[in-house]
Amino acid sequence: MPYRAPVPEELRGRPFTSAMAEQAGVPRRRLRNSGYRQLYRDVYVAAAEPDSVRLRCEGALLAVPAGSALSHWSV
């Protein structure tokens, strides 16, 4: 059985970019294993994190330019 390193505390419970993962010590190649799942282009979350509208909205805000906003029935 392959070894799966634990998800760093600072990446649990929220979406993150590959740059944020690298700052937390997670190499980009490790984001492709079963411990993580991709929400959007360059936006990931720990695989154990339950999916929700809020999680998806927080992830979407990481994928758009700074200053972007969500509106209406997003959250």
C-alpha atoms as a PDB file:
ATOM      1  CA  MET A   1       0.000   0.000   0.000  1.00  0.00           C
ATOM      2  CA  PRO A   2       1.478   3.408  -0.965  1.00  0.00           C
ATOM      3  CA  TYR A   3       2.339   5.909   1.748  1.00  0.00           C
ATOM      4  CA  ARG A   4       0.074   8.958   1.797  1.00  0.00           C
ATOM      5  CA  ALA A   5       1.512  11.944   3.651  1.00  0.00           C
ATOM      6  CA  PRO A   6      -0.969  13.801   5.866  1.00  0.00           C
ATOM      7  CA  VAL A   7      -2.539  17.040   4.642  1.00  0.00           C
ATOM      8  CA  PRO A   8      -0.873  20.004   6.406  1.00  0.00           C
ATOM      9  CA  GLU A   9      -3.085  21.727   8.975  1.00  0.00           C
ATOM     10  CA  GLU A  10      -3.083  25.052   7.082  1.00  0.00           C
ATOM     11  CA  LEU A  11      -4.636  23.368   4.022  1.00  0.00           C
ATOM     12  CA  ARG A  12      -7.454  21.547   5.828  1.00  0.00           C
ATOM     13  CA  GLY A  13     -11.042  22.735   5.659  1.00  0.00           C
ATOM     14  CA  ARG A  14     -10.614  25.154   2.779  1.00  0.00           C
ATOM     15  CA  PRO A  15      -9.652  25.332  -0.881  1.00  0.00           C
ATOM     16  CA  PHE A  16      -6.121  26.327  -1.858  1.00  0.00           C
ATOM     17  CA  THR A  17      -3.985  26.937  -4.913  1.00  0.00           C
ATOM     18  CA  SER A  18      -0.913  24.957  -5.891  1.00  0.00           C
ATOM     19  CA  ALA A  19       1.214  27.949  -4.809  1.00  0.00           C
ATOM     20  CA  MET A  20      -0.381  27.846  -1.349  1.00  0.00           C
ATOM     21  CA  ALA A  21       0.270  24.103  -1.205  1.00  0.00           C
ATOM     22  CA  GLU A  22       3.933  24.585  -2.103  1.00  0.00           C
ATOM     23  CA  GLN A  23       4.276  27.184   0.667  1.00  0.00           C
ATOM     24  CA  ALA A  24       2.874  24.559   3.062  1.00  0.00           C
ATOM     25  CA  GLY A  25       5.443  22.015   1.868  1.00  0.00           C
ATOM     26  CA  VAL A  26       3.240  20.024  -0.527  1.00  0.00           C
ATOM     27  CA  PRO A  27       4.911  19.514  -3.914  1.00  0.00           C
ATOM     28  CA  ARG A  28       2.727  20.101  -6.976  1.00  0.00           C
ATOM     29  CA  ARG A  29       3.035  16.444  -8.039  1.00  0.00           C
ATOM     30  CA  ARG A  30       1.488  15.300  -4.744  1.00  0.00           C
ATOM     31  CA  LEU A  31      -1.693  17.242  -5.511  1.00  0.00           C
ATOM     32  CA  ARG A  32      -2.425  14.592  -8.151  1.00  0.00           C
ATOM     33  CA  ASN A  33      -2.657  11.741  -5.622  1.00  0.00           C
ATOM     34  CA  SER A  34      -5.774  10.492  -3.855  1.00  0.00           C
ATOM     35  CA  GLY A  35      -5.273  12.756  -0.813  1.00  0.00           C
ATOM     36  CA  TYR A  36      -6.436  15.805  -2.785  1.00  0.00           C
ATOM     37  CA  ARG A  37      -9.053  16.637  -5.392  1.00  0.00           C
ATOM     38  CA  GLN A  38      -9.180  19.438  -7.924  1.00  0.00           C
ATOM     39  CA  LEU A  39     -12.094  21.887  -7.746  1.00  0.00           C
ATOM     40  CA  TYR A  40     -11.048  24.252 -10.533  1.00  0.00           C
ATOM     41  CA  ARG A  41      -7.946  24.922 -12.569  1.00  0.00           C
ATOM     42  CA  ASP A  42      -5.115  25.284 -10.020  1.00  0.00           C
ATOM     43  CA  VAL A  43      -7.558  25.093  -7.077  1.00  0.00           C
ATOM     44  CA  TYR A  44      -7.548  22.029  -4.824  1.00  0.00           C
ATOM     45  CA  VAL A  45      -8.996  20.733  -1.580  1.00  0.00           C
ATOM     46  CA  ALA A  46      -8.184  17.801   0.692  1.00  0.00           C
ATOM     47  CA  ALA A  47     -10.075  14.754  -0.594  1.00  0.00           C
ATOM     48  CA  ALA A  48     -11.638  14.115   2.823  1.00  0.00           C
ATOM     49  CA  GLU A  49     -13.254  17.569   2.860  1.00  0.00           C
ATOM     50  CA  PRO A  50     -17.021  17.275   2.228  1.00  0.00           C
ATOM     51  CA  ASP A  51     -18.274  19.094  -0.846  1.00  0.00           C
ATOM     52  CA  SER A  52     -20.555  22.083  -0.306  1.00  0.00           C
ATOM     53  CA  VAL A  53     -21.713  25.219  -2.069  1.00  0.00           C
ATOM     54  CA  ARG A  54     -19.631  27.307   0.323  1.00  0.00           C
ATOM     55  CA  LEU A  55     -16.489  25.268  -0.419  1.00  0.00           C
ATOM     56  CA  ARG A  56     -17.083  25.644  -4.163  1.00  0.00           C
ATOM     57  CA  CYS A  57     -17.632  29.415  -3.826  1.00  0.00           C
ATOM     58  CA  GLU A  58     -14.460  29.865  -1.757  1.00  0.00           C
ATOM     59  CA  GLY A  59     -12.571  27.849  -4.372  1.00  0.00           C
ATOM     60  CA  ALA A  60     -14.028  29.887  -7.221  1.00  0.00           C
ATOM     61  CA  LEU A  61     -12.769  33.090  -5.604  1.00  0.00           C
ATOM     62  CA  LEU A  62      -9.233  31.680  -5.745  1.00  0.00           C
ATOM     63  CA  ALA A  63      -9.597  31.029  -9.481  1.00  0.00           C
ATOM     64  CA  VAL A  64     -10.696  34.529 -10.528  1.00  0.00           C
ATOM     65  CA  PRO A  65      -8.827  37.862 -10.531  1.00  0.00           C
ATOM     66  CA  ALA A  66      -8.388  39.759  -7.271  1.00  0.00           C
ATOM     67  CA  GLY A  67     -11.336  42.016  -6.530  1.00  0.00           C
ATOM     68  CA  SER A  68     -13.882  39.615  -8.030  1.00  0.00           C
ATOM     69  CA  ALA A  69     -17.031  38.892  -6.072  1.00  0.00           C
ATOM     70  CA  LEU A  70     -19.826  36.337  -5.824  1.00  0.00           C
ATOM     71  CA  SER A  71     -23.404  37.464  -5.893  1.00  0.00           C
ATOM     72  CA  HIS A  72     -27.007  36.510  -5.228  1.00  0.00           C
ATOM     73  CA  TRP A  73     -27.619  32.811  -4.556  1.00  0.00           C
ATOM     74  CA  SER A  74     -23.926  31.862  -4.508  1.00  0.00           C
ATOM     75  CA  VAL A  75     -23.639  31.167  -0.819  1.00  0.00           C
END
